[in-house]
C-alpha cells in the first residue's frame, strides 16, 4: 500500500507540472525534508521524477490514479447491476492470481480487481506482462459458470469483441483482433487477454478474465517486450493520462454483460463480429505446435473458434488456441 501522504503527493504531482518543495510541504503539512523522503519513496514504485533547480519537482509523465467513485460515474445501469466487489490495489503480484485465490475462498460473481502496478503480471504461456505503476490498465474479473469449461469454449474471443467495442466507443479506430486473445492496432499489440478457468470438468466452474491494456508505456519499460507494441497515447497523439477511470468504466460496460450472457448466447453470437475485427485474415504466418511448425495463410476461424490455416498444398488445417503460438512472416 502507498501511504496516505505519498498518495496525496501523487495526486498533486499528477498534473505533470512543476511544484516547489515549499509548495509541496505546505500542501502536505510536513517539512521540506519529509517531502524529500516521500519523493525518494516514489522510486520504489518505479515512478520517475524530474527535479530542476529553481522550478521544483514534477513527474516525468502525468498520471491519473484509479478511483472507485470516478469509475462508478462511467458505469451504465446494466453493468452496475452486474458488478460485484470492486477492489483497487496500489501494488499486487497479479490481478488474475489474486482473484483466483479469492474465488477459492468464495468471492462473489462479478468481483473486479484493478491494480496500479503488478510485480508478477501474467501473459500467455507463462510470459511476464510489463506492468509499470499508474499508467496502464491491469484488470481482472471473476465470473462463475454452471456448465463447466466446455460451456465457455471460445470465451476469449467474445471477450475480445467486448474490448474492441469499448475501445471504439473511446474513439480508437483501426483496432483488430489477433487470434486467440490479443488486441492489435495496425499490426502492433495494444492489449492482451488471459482467461484462467478452474472447477469441475462437467459441472460448475469459475473463470478469471484478465486484461492488460497499454494506455501509456514508457519507452524504457517497453524494451522488455519482445514484439511490436503500441499504447493509446501513441495512437491518439494526445494525452490520455487523465482518462484511465473513464476507460475502465467503458471496459466494464462491455465486458460484464458479455460474461453474464455468454452461457445462453455462446460463441455463435459473436462470431460474425469477431471475424469483422480479424486483423490476421489473409496474412502469411508460421505456427508452432509442440516440436512442429506450419507455414500458411490465415483463413479465419471456424464456428468453434479454431484458427484455420491454409497450407501450401491447399489443405485447410484447424488449430486450437491451447496448442499453438505463431508469428507473422
C-alpha atoms as a PDB file:
ATOM      1  CA  UNK A   1       0.000   0.000   0.000  1.00  0.00           C
ATOM      2  CA  UNK A   2       1.093   3.546  -0.702  1.00  0.00           C
ATOM      3  CA  UNK A   3       0.941   5.680   2.425  1.00  0.00           C
ATOM      4  CA  UNK A   4      -1.788   8.357   2.549  1.00  0.00           C
ATOM      5  CA  UNK A   5       0.828  11.147   2.423  1.00  0.00           C
ATOM      6  CA  UNK A   6       2.530   9.575  -0.575  1.00  0.00           C
ATOM      7  CA  UNK A   7      -0.794   9.172  -2.355  1.00  0.00           C
ATOM      8  CA  UNK A   8      -1.648  12.810  -1.567  1.00  0.00           C
ATOM      9  CA  UNK A   9       1.706  13.808  -3.041  1.00  0.00           C
ATOM     10  CA  UNK A  10       0.992  11.799  -6.176  1.00  0.00           C
ATOM     11  CA  UNK A  11      -2.380  13.493  -6.606  1.00  0.00           C
ATOM     12  CA  UNK A  12      -0.633  16.878  -6.500  1.00  0.00           C
ATOM     13  CA  UNK A  13       2.081  15.825  -8.951  1.00  0.00           C
ATOM     14  CA  UNK A  14      -0.350  14.001 -11.259  1.00  0.00           C
ATOM     15  CA  UNK A  15      -0.803  17.107 -13.416  1.00  0.00           C
ATOM     16  CA  UNK A  16       2.760  16.764 -14.718  1.00  0.00           C
ATOM     17  CA  UNK A  17       3.616  20.351 -13.734  1.00  0.00           C
ATOM     18  CA  UNK A  18       6.492  21.588 -11.579  1.00  0.00           C
ATOM     19  CA  UNK A  19       5.802  22.070  -7.866  1.00  0.00           C
ATOM     20  CA  UNK A  20       8.349  23.564  -5.482  1.00  0.00           C
ATOM     21  CA  UNK A  21       9.447  21.820  -2.323  1.00  0.00           C
ATOM     22  CA  UNK A  22       7.967  24.680  -0.283  1.00  0.00           C
ATOM     23  CA  UNK A  23       4.606  24.344  -2.048  1.00  0.00           C
ATOM     24  CA  UNK A  24       4.526  20.575  -1.532  1.00  0.00           C
ATOM     25  CA  UNK A  25       5.479  20.906   2.129  1.00  0.00           C
ATOM     26  CA  UNK A  26       2.632  23.362   2.675  1.00  0.00           C
ATOM     27  CA  UNK A  27       0.072  21.214   0.871  1.00  0.00           C
ATOM     28  CA  UNK A  28       1.072  18.071   2.774  1.00  0.00           C
ATOM     29  CA  UNK A  29       1.605  19.808   6.103  1.00  0.00           C
ATOM     30  CA  UNK A  30       5.099  18.387   6.537  1.00  0.00           C
ATOM     31  CA  UNK A  31       8.658  19.685   6.479  1.00  0.00           C
ATOM     32  CA  UNK A  32      10.685  20.022   3.295  1.00  0.00           C
ATOM     33  CA  UNK A  33      12.943  17.190   4.435  1.00  0.00           C
ATOM     34  CA  UNK A  34       9.857  14.979   4.842  1.00  0.00           C
ATOM     35  CA  UNK A  35       8.802  15.940   1.304  1.00  0.00           C
ATOM     36  CA  UNK A  36      12.177  14.786   0.042  1.00  0.00           C
ATOM     37  CA  UNK A  37      11.764  11.431   1.804  1.00  0.00           C
ATOM     38  CA  UNK A  38       8.337  10.974   0.213  1.00  0.00           C
ATOM     39  CA  UNK A  39       9.693  11.900  -3.217  1.00  0.00           C
ATOM     40  CA  UNK A  40      12.521   9.398  -2.805  1.00  0.00           C
ATOM     41  CA  UNK A  41       9.976   6.715  -1.916  1.00  0.00           C
ATOM     42  CA  UNK A  42       8.323   7.129  -5.328  1.00  0.00           C
ATOM     43  CA  UNK A  43      11.272   5.358  -6.956  1.00  0.00           C
ATOM     44  CA  UNK A  44      10.319   2.179  -5.086  1.00  0.00           C
ATOM     45  CA  UNK A  45       7.184   2.060  -7.239  1.00  0.00           C
ATOM     46  CA  UNK A  46       9.084   2.758 -10.449  1.00  0.00           C
ATOM     47  CA  UNK A  47       7.732   6.318 -10.657  1.00  0.00           C
ATOM     48  CA  UNK A  48      10.173   8.630 -12.403  1.00  0.00           C
ATOM     49  CA  UNK A  49      10.640  12.120 -11.015  1.00  0.00           C
ATOM     50  CA  UNK A  50      12.337  15.138 -12.555  1.00  0.00           C
ATOM     51  CA  UNK A  51      13.954  17.707 -10.247  1.00  0.00           C
ATOM     52  CA  UNK A  52      15.050  21.090 -11.649  1.00  0.00           C
ATOM     53  CA  UNK A  53      16.725  23.739  -9.508  1.00  0.00           C
ATOM     54  CA  UNK A  54      14.564  26.845  -9.226  1.00  0.00           C
ATOM     55  CA  UNK A  55      11.478  25.039 -10.557  1.00  0.00           C
ATOM     56  CA  UNK A  56      10.903  22.140  -8.211  1.00  0.00           C
ATOM     57  CA  UNK A  57       9.684  18.630  -8.930  1.00  0.00           C
ATOM     58  CA  UNK A  58       7.405  17.012 -11.460  1.00  0.00           C
ATOM     59  CA  UNK A  59       6.626  13.544 -12.740  1.00  0.00           C
ATOM     60  CA  UNK A  60       8.285  12.536 -15.988  1.00  0.00           C
ATOM     61  CA  UNK A  61       4.760  11.865 -17.279  1.00  0.00           C
ATOM     62  CA  UNK A  62       1.404  12.928 -15.794  1.00  0.00           C
ATOM     63  CA  UNK A  63      -0.866  10.200 -14.471  1.00  0.00           C
ATOM     64  CA  UNK A  64      -4.348   9.603 -13.100  1.00  0.00           C
ATOM     65  CA  UNK A  65      -4.705   7.281 -10.146  1.00  0.00           C
ATOM     66  CA  UNK A  66      -7.556   4.796 -10.297  1.00  0.00           C
ATOM     67  CA  UNK A  67     -10.552   5.898  -8.259  1.00  0.00           C
ATOM     68  CA  UNK A  68     -13.618   3.807  -7.422  1.00  0.00           C
ATOM     69  CA  UNK A  69     -16.060   6.722  -7.392  1.00  0.00           C
ATOM     70  CA  UNK A  70     -14.846   8.022 -10.746  1.00  0.00           C
ATOM     71  CA  UNK A  71     -15.144   4.565 -12.283  1.00  0.00           C
ATOM     72  CA  UNK A  72     -18.720   4.243 -10.981  1.00  0.00           C
ATOM     73  CA  UNK A  73     -19.588   7.558 -12.613  1.00  0.00           C
ATOM     74  CA  UNK A  74     -18.833   5.997 -16.010  1.00  0.00           C
ATOM     75  CA  UNK A  75     -20.784   2.775 -15.420  1.00  0.00           C
ATOM     76  CA  UNK A  76     -24.108   2.253 -17.158  1.00  0.00           C
ATOM     77  CA  UNK A  77     -27.032   0.841 -15.213  1.00  0.00           C
ATOM     78  CA  UNK A  78     -26.818  -2.743 -16.523  1.00  0.00           C
ATOM     79  CA  UNK A  79     -23.083  -3.016 -15.885  1.00  0.00           C
ATOM     80  CA  UNK A  80     -23.503  -1.538 -12.430  1.00  0.00           C
ATOM     81  CA  UNK A  81     -26.088  -4.202 -11.569  1.00  0.00           C
ATOM     82  CA  UNK A  82     -23.676  -6.949 -12.655  1.00  0.00           C
ATOM     83  CA  UNK A  83     -20.652  -5.581 -10.836  1.00  0.00           C
ATOM     84  CA  UNK A  84     -19.791  -7.302  -7.575  1.00  0.00           C
ATOM     85  CA  UNK A  85     -16.990  -6.109  -5.339  1.00  0.00           C
ATOM     86  CA  UNK A  86     -14.542  -3.613  -6.886  1.00  0.00           C
ATOM     87  CA  UNK A  87     -11.021  -3.591  -5.450  1.00  0.00           C
ATOM     88  CA  UNK A  88      -8.184  -1.245  -6.430  1.00  0.00           C
ATOM     89  CA  UNK A  89      -4.680  -2.146  -5.285  1.00  0.00           C
ATOM     90  CA  UNK A  90      -1.664   0.121  -5.312  1.00  0.00           C
ATOM     91  CA  UNK A  91       0.584  -2.854  -5.963  1.00  0.00           C
ATOM     92  CA  UNK A  92      -0.167  -6.536  -6.388  1.00  0.00           C
ATOM     93  CA  UNK A  93       1.597  -9.613  -7.704  1.00  0.00           C
ATOM     94  CA  UNK A  94      -1.073 -10.339 -10.343  1.00  0.00           C
ATOM     95  CA  UNK A  95      -4.729  -9.323 -10.546  1.00  0.00           C
ATOM     96  CA  UNK A  96      -5.558 -12.732 -12.061  1.00  0.00           C
ATOM     97  CA  UNK A  97      -3.750 -14.688  -9.357  1.00  0.00           C
ATOM     98  CA  UNK A  98      -5.396 -12.577  -6.658  1.00  0.00           C
ATOM     99  CA  UNK A  99      -8.916 -13.299  -7.944  1.00  0.00           C
ATOM    100  CA  UNK A 100      -8.156 -16.997  -8.431  1.00  0.00           C
ATOM    101  CA  UNK A 101      -7.225 -17.127  -4.761  1.00  0.00           C
ATOM    102  CA  UNK A 102     -10.317 -15.126  -3.815  1.00  0.00           C
ATOM    103  CA  UNK A 103     -12.518 -17.445  -5.892  1.00  0.00           C
ATOM    104  CA  UNK A 104     -11.380 -20.444  -3.857  1.00  0.00           C
ATOM    105  CA  UNK A 105     -12.466 -18.558  -0.741  1.00  0.00           C
ATOM    106  CA  UNK A 106     -15.932 -17.943  -2.168  1.00  0.00           C
ATOM    107  CA  UNK A 107     -15.631 -14.472  -3.723  1.00  0.00           C
ATOM    108  CA  UNK A 108     -18.813 -13.424  -5.474  1.00  0.00           C
ATOM    109  CA  UNK A 109     -19.630 -13.328  -9.152  1.00  0.00           C
ATOM    110  CA  UNK A 110     -18.642 -10.095 -10.853  1.00  0.00           C
ATOM    111  CA  UNK A 111     -15.757  -9.361  -8.471  1.00  0.00           C
ATOM    112  CA  UNK A 112     -13.301  -6.977 -10.128  1.00  0.00           C
ATOM    113  CA  UNK A 113      -9.665  -6.383  -9.258  1.00  0.00           C
ATOM    114  CA  UNK A 114      -7.634  -3.450 -10.569  1.00  0.00           C
ATOM    115  CA  UNK A 115      -4.044  -2.543  -9.792  1.00  0.00           C
ATOM    116  CA  UNK A 116      -1.797   0.433 -10.294  1.00  0.00           C
ATOM    117  CA  UNK A 117       1.162  -1.913 -10.628  1.00  0.00           C
ATOM    118  CA  UNK A 118       1.784  -5.651 -10.916  1.00  0.00           C
ATOM    119  CA  UNK A 119       5.009  -7.232  -9.737  1.00  0.00           C
ATOM    120  CA  UNK A 120       4.262 -10.575 -11.413  1.00  0.00           C
ATOM    121  CA  UNK A 121       1.818  -9.732 -14.191  1.00  0.00           C
ATOM    122  CA  UNK A 122       0.961 -12.718 -16.383  1.00  0.00           C
ATOM    123  CA  UNK A 123       0.688 -13.122 -20.140  1.00  0.00           C
ATOM    124  CA  UNK A 124       0.020 -16.288 -22.115  1.00  0.00           C
ATOM    125  CA  UNK A 125       2.368 -19.277 -21.848  1.00  0.00           C
ATOM    126  CA  UNK A 126       3.884 -18.023 -18.631  1.00  0.00           C
ATOM    127  CA  UNK A 127       5.203 -14.814 -20.132  1.00  0.00           C
ATOM    128  CA  UNK A 128       5.683 -11.755 -17.937  1.00  0.00           C
ATOM    129  CA  UNK A 129       3.317  -8.821 -18.524  1.00  0.00           C
ATOM    130  CA  UNK A 130       5.152  -5.498 -18.220  1.00  0.00           C
ATOM    131  CA  UNK A 131       3.189  -3.554 -15.575  1.00  0.00           C
ATOM    132  CA  UNK A 132       4.638  -0.147 -14.595  1.00  0.00           C
ATOM    133  CA  UNK A 133       2.879   1.940 -11.962  1.00  0.00           C
ATOM    134  CA  UNK A 134      -0.033   4.230 -12.708  1.00  0.00           C
ATOM    135  CA  UNK A 135      -0.075   4.377 -16.495  1.00  0.00           C
ATOM    136  CA  UNK A 136      -1.870   1.325 -17.878  1.00  0.00           C
ATOM    137  CA  UNK A 137      -4.867  -0.851 -17.068  1.00  0.00           C
ATOM    138  CA  UNK A 138      -4.490  -4.182 -15.291  1.00  0.00           C
ATOM    139  CA  UNK A 139      -8.000  -5.532 -14.832  1.00  0.00           C
ATOM    140  CA  UNK A 140      -9.391  -8.931 -13.829  1.00  0.00           C
ATOM    141  CA  UNK A 141     -12.988 -10.101 -13.426  1.00  0.00           C
ATOM    142  CA  UNK A 142     -14.256 -13.227 -11.654  1.00  0.00           C
ATOM    143  CA  UNK A 143     -17.260 -14.986 -13.144  1.00  0.00           C
ATOM    144  CA  UNK A 144     -18.919 -18.308 -12.331  1.00  0.00           C
ATOM    145  CA  UNK A 145     -20.444 -20.624 -14.925  1.00  0.00           C
ATOM    146  CA  UNK A 146     -22.711 -23.617 -14.351  1.00  0.00           C
ATOM    147  CA  UNK A 147     -21.928 -25.697 -17.436  1.00  0.00           C
ATOM    148  CA  UNK A 148     -18.228 -26.310 -16.828  1.00  0.00           C
ATOM    149  CA  UNK A 149     -15.259 -25.350 -19.004  1.00  0.00           C
ATOM    150  CA  UNK A 150     -16.798 -26.894 -22.130  1.00  0.00           C
ATOM    151  CA  UNK A 151     -19.734 -24.459 -21.886  1.00  0.00           C
ATOM    152  CA  UNK A 152     -17.413 -21.451 -22.120  1.00  0.00           C
ATOM    153  CA  UNK A 153     -15.295 -22.610 -25.042  1.00  0.00           C
ATOM    154  CA  UNK A 154     -14.414 -19.591 -27.145  1.00  0.00           C
ATOM    155  CA  UNK A 155     -14.965 -17.146 -24.275  1.00  0.00           C
ATOM    156  CA  UNK A 156     -11.683 -15.341 -25.007  1.00  0.00           C
ATOM    157  CA  UNK A 157     -12.984 -14.493 -28.496  1.00  0.00           C
ATOM    158  CA  UNK A 158     -16.177 -12.979 -27.077  1.00  0.00           C
ATOM    159  CA  UNK A 159     -14.141 -11.028 -24.523  1.00  0.00           C
ATOM    160  CA  UNK A 160     -12.002  -9.702 -27.369  1.00  0.00           C
ATOM    161  CA  UNK A 161     -15.143  -8.424 -29.087  1.00  0.00           C
ATOM    162  CA  UNK A 162     -16.185  -6.653 -25.878  1.00  0.00           C
ATOM    163  CA  UNK A 163     -12.788  -4.951 -25.582  1.00  0.00           C
ATOM    164  CA  UNK A 164     -12.939  -3.770 -29.200  1.00  0.00           C
ATOM    165  CA  UNK A 165     -16.421  -2.334 -28.587  1.00  0.00           C
ATOM    166  CA  UNK A 166     -15.114  -0.395 -25.589  1.00  0.00           C
ATOM    167  CA  UNK A 167     -12.091   0.936 -27.482  1.00  0.00           C
ATOM    168  CA  UNK A 168     -14.196   2.016 -30.449  1.00  0.00           C
ATOM    169  CA  UNK A 169     -16.560   3.775 -28.051  1.00  0.00           C
ATOM    170  CA  UNK A 170     -13.490   5.502 -26.654  1.00  0.00           C
ATOM    171  CA  UNK A 171     -12.645   6.784 -30.138  1.00  0.00           C
ATOM    172  CA  UNK A 172      -9.961   4.241 -31.086  1.00  0.00           C
ATOM    173  CA  UNK A 173     -10.260   3.110 -34.708  1.00  0.00           C
ATOM    174  CA  UNK A 174      -8.195   0.631 -36.728  1.00  0.00           C
ATOM    175  CA  UNK A 175      -8.193  -1.816 -33.813  1.00  0.00           C
ATOM    176  CA  UNK A 176      -8.405  -5.516 -34.579  1.00  0.00           C
ATOM    177  CA  UNK A 177      -8.227  -8.963 -33.039  1.00  0.00           C
ATOM    178  CA  UNK A 178      -5.350 -11.404 -33.392  1.00  0.00           C
ATOM    179  CA  UNK A 179      -6.456 -14.931 -32.625  1.00  0.00           C
ATOM    180  CA  UNK A 180      -6.988 -16.046 -29.963  1.00  0.00           C
ATOM    181  CA  UNK A 181      -6.762 -13.210 -27.444  1.00  0.00           C
ATOM    182  CA  UNK A 182      -4.725 -10.173 -28.495  1.00  0.00           C
ATOM    183  CA  UNK A 183      -5.921  -6.693 -29.421  1.00  0.00           C
ATOM    184  CA  UNK A 184      -3.862  -5.071 -32.164  1.00  0.00           C
ATOM    185  CA  UNK A 185      -3.639  -1.645 -33.714  1.00  0.00           C
ATOM    186  CA  UNK A 186      -2.040  -1.579 -37.162  1.00  0.00           C
ATOM    187  CA  UNK A 187      -0.172  -4.814 -36.526  1.00  0.00           C
ATOM    188  CA  UNK A 188       1.148  -3.753 -33.121  1.00  0.00           C
ATOM    189  CA  UNK A 189      -0.046  -5.195 -29.824  1.00  0.00           C
ATOM    190  CA  UNK A 190      -2.195  -2.876 -27.729  1.00  0.00           C
ATOM    191  CA  UNK A 191      -3.710  -5.297 -25.215  1.00  0.00           C
ATOM    192  CA  UNK A 192      -3.849  -8.928 -24.218  1.00  0.00           C
ATOM    193  CA  UNK A 193      -6.461 -11.189 -22.642  1.00  0.00           C
ATOM    194  CA  UNK A 194      -5.708 -14.071 -20.279  1.00  0.00           C
ATOM    195  CA  UNK A 195      -8.526 -16.342 -19.077  1.00  0.00           C
ATOM    196  CA  UNK A 196      -7.842 -18.896 -16.350  1.00  0.00           C
ATOM    197  CA  UNK A 197     -10.518 -21.491 -15.525  1.00  0.00           C
ATOM    198  CA  UNK A 198     -10.883 -23.747 -12.504  1.00  0.00           C
ATOM    199  CA  UNK A 199     -13.609 -26.159 -11.458  1.00  0.00           C
ATOM    200  CA  UNK A 200     -15.281 -29.432 -12.392  1.00  0.00           C
ATOM    201  CA  UNK A 201     -14.933 -30.690 -15.957  1.00  0.00           C
ATOM    202  CA  UNK A 202     -18.692 -31.066 -16.386  1.00  0.00           C
ATOM    203  CA  UNK A 203     -20.064 -29.003 -13.527  1.00  0.00           C
ATOM    204  CA  UNK A 204     -19.793 -25.518 -12.075  1.00  0.00           C
ATOM    205  CA  UNK A 205     -16.553 -23.674 -12.720  1.00  0.00           C
ATOM    206  CA  UNK A 206     -15.172 -20.212 -12.277  1.00  0.00           C
ATOM    207  CA  UNK A 207     -13.125 -18.142 -14.696  1.00  0.00           C
ATOM    208  CA  UNK A 208     -10.894 -15.158 -14.107  1.00  0.00           C
ATOM    209  CA  UNK A 209     -10.779 -12.902 -17.137  1.00  0.00           C
ATOM    210  CA  UNK A 210      -7.674 -10.730 -17.190  1.00  0.00           C
ATOM    211  CA  UNK A 211      -6.958  -7.754 -19.424  1.00  0.00           C
ATOM    212  CA  UNK A 212      -3.745  -5.805 -19.769  1.00  0.00           C
ATOM    213  CA  UNK A 213      -4.111  -2.624 -21.829  1.00  0.00           C
ATOM    214  CA  UNK A 214      -1.323  -0.191 -22.700  1.00  0.00           C
ATOM    215  CA  UNK A 215      -2.504   3.346 -22.011  1.00  0.00           C
ATOM    216  CA  UNK A 216       0.948   4.894 -21.703  1.00  0.00           C
ATOM    217  CA  UNK A 217       4.012   2.663 -21.695  1.00  0.00           C
ATOM    218  CA  UNK A 218       7.334   4.450 -21.098  1.00  0.00           C
ATOM    219  CA  UNK A 219       9.891   3.547 -23.764  1.00  0.00           C
ATOM    220  CA  UNK A 220      12.361   2.087 -21.275  1.00  0.00           C
ATOM    221  CA  UNK A 221       9.639  -0.239 -19.951  1.00  0.00           C
ATOM    222  CA  UNK A 222       8.708  -1.317 -23.469  1.00  0.00           C
ATOM    223  CA  UNK A 223      12.241  -2.529 -24.136  1.00  0.00           C
ATOM    224  CA  UNK A 224      11.399  -5.699 -22.224  1.00  0.00           C
ATOM    225  CA  UNK A 225       8.630  -6.596 -24.707  1.00  0.00           C
ATOM    226  CA  UNK A 226       9.701  -8.988 -27.473  1.00  0.00           C
ATOM    227  CA  UNK A 227       7.139  -7.898 -30.069  1.00  0.00           C
ATOM    228  CA  UNK A 228       5.918  -4.698 -31.677  1.00  0.00           C
ATOM    229  CA  UNK A 229       3.668  -2.829 -29.268  1.00  0.00           C
ATOM    230  CA  UNK A 230       1.688   0.385 -29.116  1.00  0.00           C
ATOM    231  CA  UNK A 231      -0.165   2.375 -26.455  1.00  0.00           C
ATOM    232  CA  UNK A 232      -3.212   4.651 -26.536  1.00  0.00           C
ATOM    233  CA  UNK A 233      -1.001   7.692 -26.025  1.00  0.00           C
ATOM    234  CA  UNK A 234       0.812   6.898 -29.271  1.00  0.00           C
ATOM    235  CA  UNK A 235      -2.393   6.128 -31.156  1.00  0.00           C
ATOM    236  CA  UNK A 236      -4.243   9.277 -30.185  1.00  0.00           C
ATOM    237  CA  UNK A 237      -1.154  11.518 -30.281  1.00  0.00           C
ATOM    238  CA  UNK A 238      -2.537  13.302 -27.237  1.00  0.00           C
ATOM    239  CA  UNK A 239      -2.532  12.912 -23.504  1.00  0.00           C
ATOM    240  CA  UNK A 240      -4.722  10.077 -22.250  1.00  0.00           C
ATOM    241  CA  UNK A 241      -3.256  10.083 -18.761  1.00  0.00           C
ATOM    242  CA  UNK A 242      -6.408  11.625 -17.315  1.00  0.00           C
ATOM    243  CA  UNK A 243      -8.764   9.106 -18.944  1.00  0.00           C
ATOM    244  CA  UNK A 244      -7.966   5.837 -17.181  1.00  0.00           C
ATOM    245  CA  UNK A 245     -11.023   5.820 -14.902  1.00  0.00           C
ATOM    246  CA  UNK A 246     -13.335   6.576 -17.806  1.00  0.00           C
ATOM    247  CA  UNK A 247     -11.696   3.817 -19.848  1.00  0.00           C
ATOM    248  CA  UNK A 248     -12.129   1.280 -17.039  1.00  0.00           C
ATOM    249  CA  UNK A 249     -15.813   2.230 -16.912  1.00  0.00           C
ATOM    250  CA  UNK A 250     -16.164   1.770 -20.692  1.00  0.00           C
ATOM    251  CA  UNK A 251     -14.483  -1.642 -20.499  1.00  0.00           C
ATOM    252  CA  UNK A 252     -16.735  -2.849 -17.671  1.00  0.00           C
ATOM    253  CA  UNK A 253     -19.812  -1.601 -19.536  1.00  0.00           C
ATOM    254  CA  UNK A 254     -18.943  -4.023 -22.339  1.00  0.00           C
ATOM    255  CA  UNK A 255     -17.251  -6.892 -20.511  1.00  0.00           C
ATOM    256  CA  UNK A 256     -19.767  -7.553 -17.726  1.00  0.00           C
ATOM    257  CA  UNK A 257     -22.826  -8.046 -19.999  1.00  0.00           C
ATOM    258  CA  UNK A 258     -20.861 -10.373 -22.306  1.00  0.00           C
ATOM    259  CA  UNK A 259     -19.844 -12.532 -19.335  1.00  0.00           C
ATOM    260  CA  UNK A 260     -23.380 -12.547 -17.933  1.00  0.00           C
ATOM    261  CA  UNK A 261     -24.913 -13.620 -21.250  1.00  0.00           C
ATOM    262  CA  UNK A 262     -22.253 -15.993 -22.546  1.00  0.00           C
ATOM    263  CA  UNK A 263     -23.673 -19.311 -21.363  1.00  0.00           C
ATOM    264  CA  UNK A 264     -27.001 -18.615 -23.080  1.00  0.00           C
ATOM    265  CA  UNK A 265     -25.635 -16.919 -26.189  1.00  0.00           C
ATOM    266  CA  UNK A 266     -22.330 -18.826 -26.611  1.00  0.00           C
ATOM    267  CA  UNK A 267     -19.681 -18.105 -29.208  1.00  0.00           C
ATOM    268  CA  UNK A 268     -22.055 -18.214 -32.180  1.00  0.00           C
ATOM    269  CA  UNK A 269     -23.497 -14.852 -31.160  1.00  0.00           C
ATOM    270  CA  UNK A 270     -20.087 -13.173 -31.510  1.00  0.00           C
ATOM    271  CA  UNK A 271     -18.561 -14.998 -34.484  1.00  0.00           C
ATOM    272  CA  UNK A 272     -19.542 -12.568 -37.233  1.00  0.00           C
ATOM    273  CA  UNK A 273     -18.419  -9.556 -35.225  1.00  0.00           C
ATOM    274  CA  UNK A 274     -15.109 -11.250 -34.323  1.00  0.00           C
ATOM    275  CA  UNK A 275     -14.488 -12.046 -37.983  1.00  0.00           C
ATOM    276  CA  UNK A 276     -15.129  -8.419 -38.852  1.00  0.00           C
ATOM    277  CA  UNK A 277     -12.297  -7.416 -36.488  1.00  0.00           C
ATOM    278  CA  UNK A 278      -9.899 -10.192 -37.564  1.00  0.00           C
ATOM    279  CA  UNK A 279      -6.587  -8.477 -38.386  1.00  0.00           C
ATOM    280  CA  UNK A 280      -4.744 -11.667 -39.422  1.00  0.00           C
ATOM    281  CA  UNK A 281      -7.113 -12.833 -42.157  1.00  0.00           C
ATOM    282  CA  UNK A 282      -5.133 -13.448 -45.351  1.00  0.00           C
ATOM    283  CA  UNK A 283      -1.758 -12.943 -43.641  1.00  0.00           C
ATOM    284  CA  UNK A 284       1.147 -15.341 -44.162  1.00  0.00           C
ATOM    285  CA  UNK A 285       2.250 -16.781 -40.804  1.00  0.00           C
ATOM    286  CA  UNK A 286       4.273 -19.508 -39.120  1.00  0.00           C
ATOM    287  CA  UNK A 287       2.533 -21.656 -36.495  1.00  0.00           C
ATOM    288  CA  UNK A 288       4.458 -23.583 -33.864  1.00  0.00           C
ATOM    289  CA  UNK A 289       2.868 -26.594 -32.170  1.00  0.00           C
ATOM    290  CA  UNK A 290       4.995 -28.676 -29.857  1.00  0.00           C
ATOM    291  CA  UNK A 291       8.042 -29.619 -31.965  1.00  0.00           C
ATOM    292  CA  UNK A 292       6.367 -28.956 -35.311  1.00  0.00           C
ATOM    293  CA  UNK A 293       5.925 -25.796 -37.373  1.00  0.00           C
ATOM    294  CA  UNK A 294       3.459 -24.991 -40.140  1.00  0.00           C
ATOM    295  CA  UNK A 295       3.501 -22.189 -42.699  1.00  0.00           C
ATOM    296  CA  UNK A 296       0.433 -20.911 -44.440  1.00  0.00           C
ATOM    297  CA  UNK A 297      -2.158 -18.205 -44.897  1.00  0.00           C
ATOM    298  CA  UNK A 298      -4.707 -17.424 -42.193  1.00  0.00           C
ATOM    299  CA  UNK A 299      -8.174 -18.389 -43.408  1.00  0.00           C
ATOM    300  CA  UNK A 300     -10.087 -17.036 -40.406  1.00  0.00           C
ATOM    301  CA  UNK A 301     -11.747 -19.093 -37.677  1.00  0.00           C
ATOM    302  CA  UNK A 302     -14.312 -21.880 -37.821  1.00  0.00           C
ATOM    303  CA  UNK A 303     -17.621 -21.980 -35.934  1.00  0.00           C
ATOM    304  CA  UNK A 304     -15.910 -23.475 -32.867  1.00  0.00           C
ATOM    305  CA  UNK A 305     -13.380 -20.627 -32.750  1.00  0.00           C
ATOM    306  CA  UNK A 306     -10.443 -22.678 -34.042  1.00  0.00           C
ATOM    307  CA  UNK A 307      -7.847 -20.964 -36.220  1.00  0.00           C
ATOM    308  CA  UNK A 308      -7.916 -22.042 -39.863  1.00  0.00           C
ATOM    309  CA  UNK A 309      -4.633 -22.139 -41.766  1.00  0.00           C
ATOM    310  CA  UNK A 310      -4.377 -22.770 -45.494  1.00  0.00           C
ATOM    311  CA  UNK A 311      -1.180 -24.726 -46.112  1.00  0.00           C
ATOM    312  CA  UNK A 312       0.937 -24.569 -49.247  1.00  0.00           C
ATOM    313  CA  UNK A 313      -0.804 -27.643 -50.715  1.00  0.00           C
ATOM    314  CA  UNK A 314      -4.228 -26.008 -50.308  1.00  0.00           C
ATOM    315  CA  UNK A 315      -5.197 -28.085 -47.297  1.00  0.00           C
ATOM    316  CA  UNK A 316      -7.084 -26.237 -44.530  1.00  0.00           C
ATOM    317  CA  UNK A 317      -5.995 -27.201 -41.040  1.00  0.00           C
ATOM    318  CA  UNK A 318      -7.639 -26.122 -37.766  1.00  0.00           C
ATOM    319  CA  UNK A 319      -5.671 -25.270 -34.619  1.00  0.00           C
ATOM    320  CA  UNK A 320      -6.807 -24.872 -31.012  1.00  0.00           C
ATOM    321  CA  UNK A 321      -5.538 -21.902 -29.016  1.00  0.00           C
ATOM    322  CA  UNK A 322      -4.038 -24.084 -26.313  1.00  0.00           C
ATOM    323  CA  UNK A 323      -1.797 -25.862 -28.818  1.00  0.00           C
ATOM    324  CA  UNK A 324      -0.062 -23.181 -30.815  1.00  0.00           C
ATOM    325  CA  UNK A 325       1.840 -19.963 -30.887  1.00  0.00           C
ATOM    326  CA  UNK A 326       2.594 -18.140 -34.083  1.00  0.00           C
ATOM    327  CA  UNK A 327       4.400 -15.251 -35.636  1.00  0.00           C
ATOM    328  CA  UNK A 328       3.667 -13.257 -38.723  1.00  0.00           C
ATOM    329  CA  UNK A 329       6.140 -13.739 -41.581  1.00  0.00           C
END
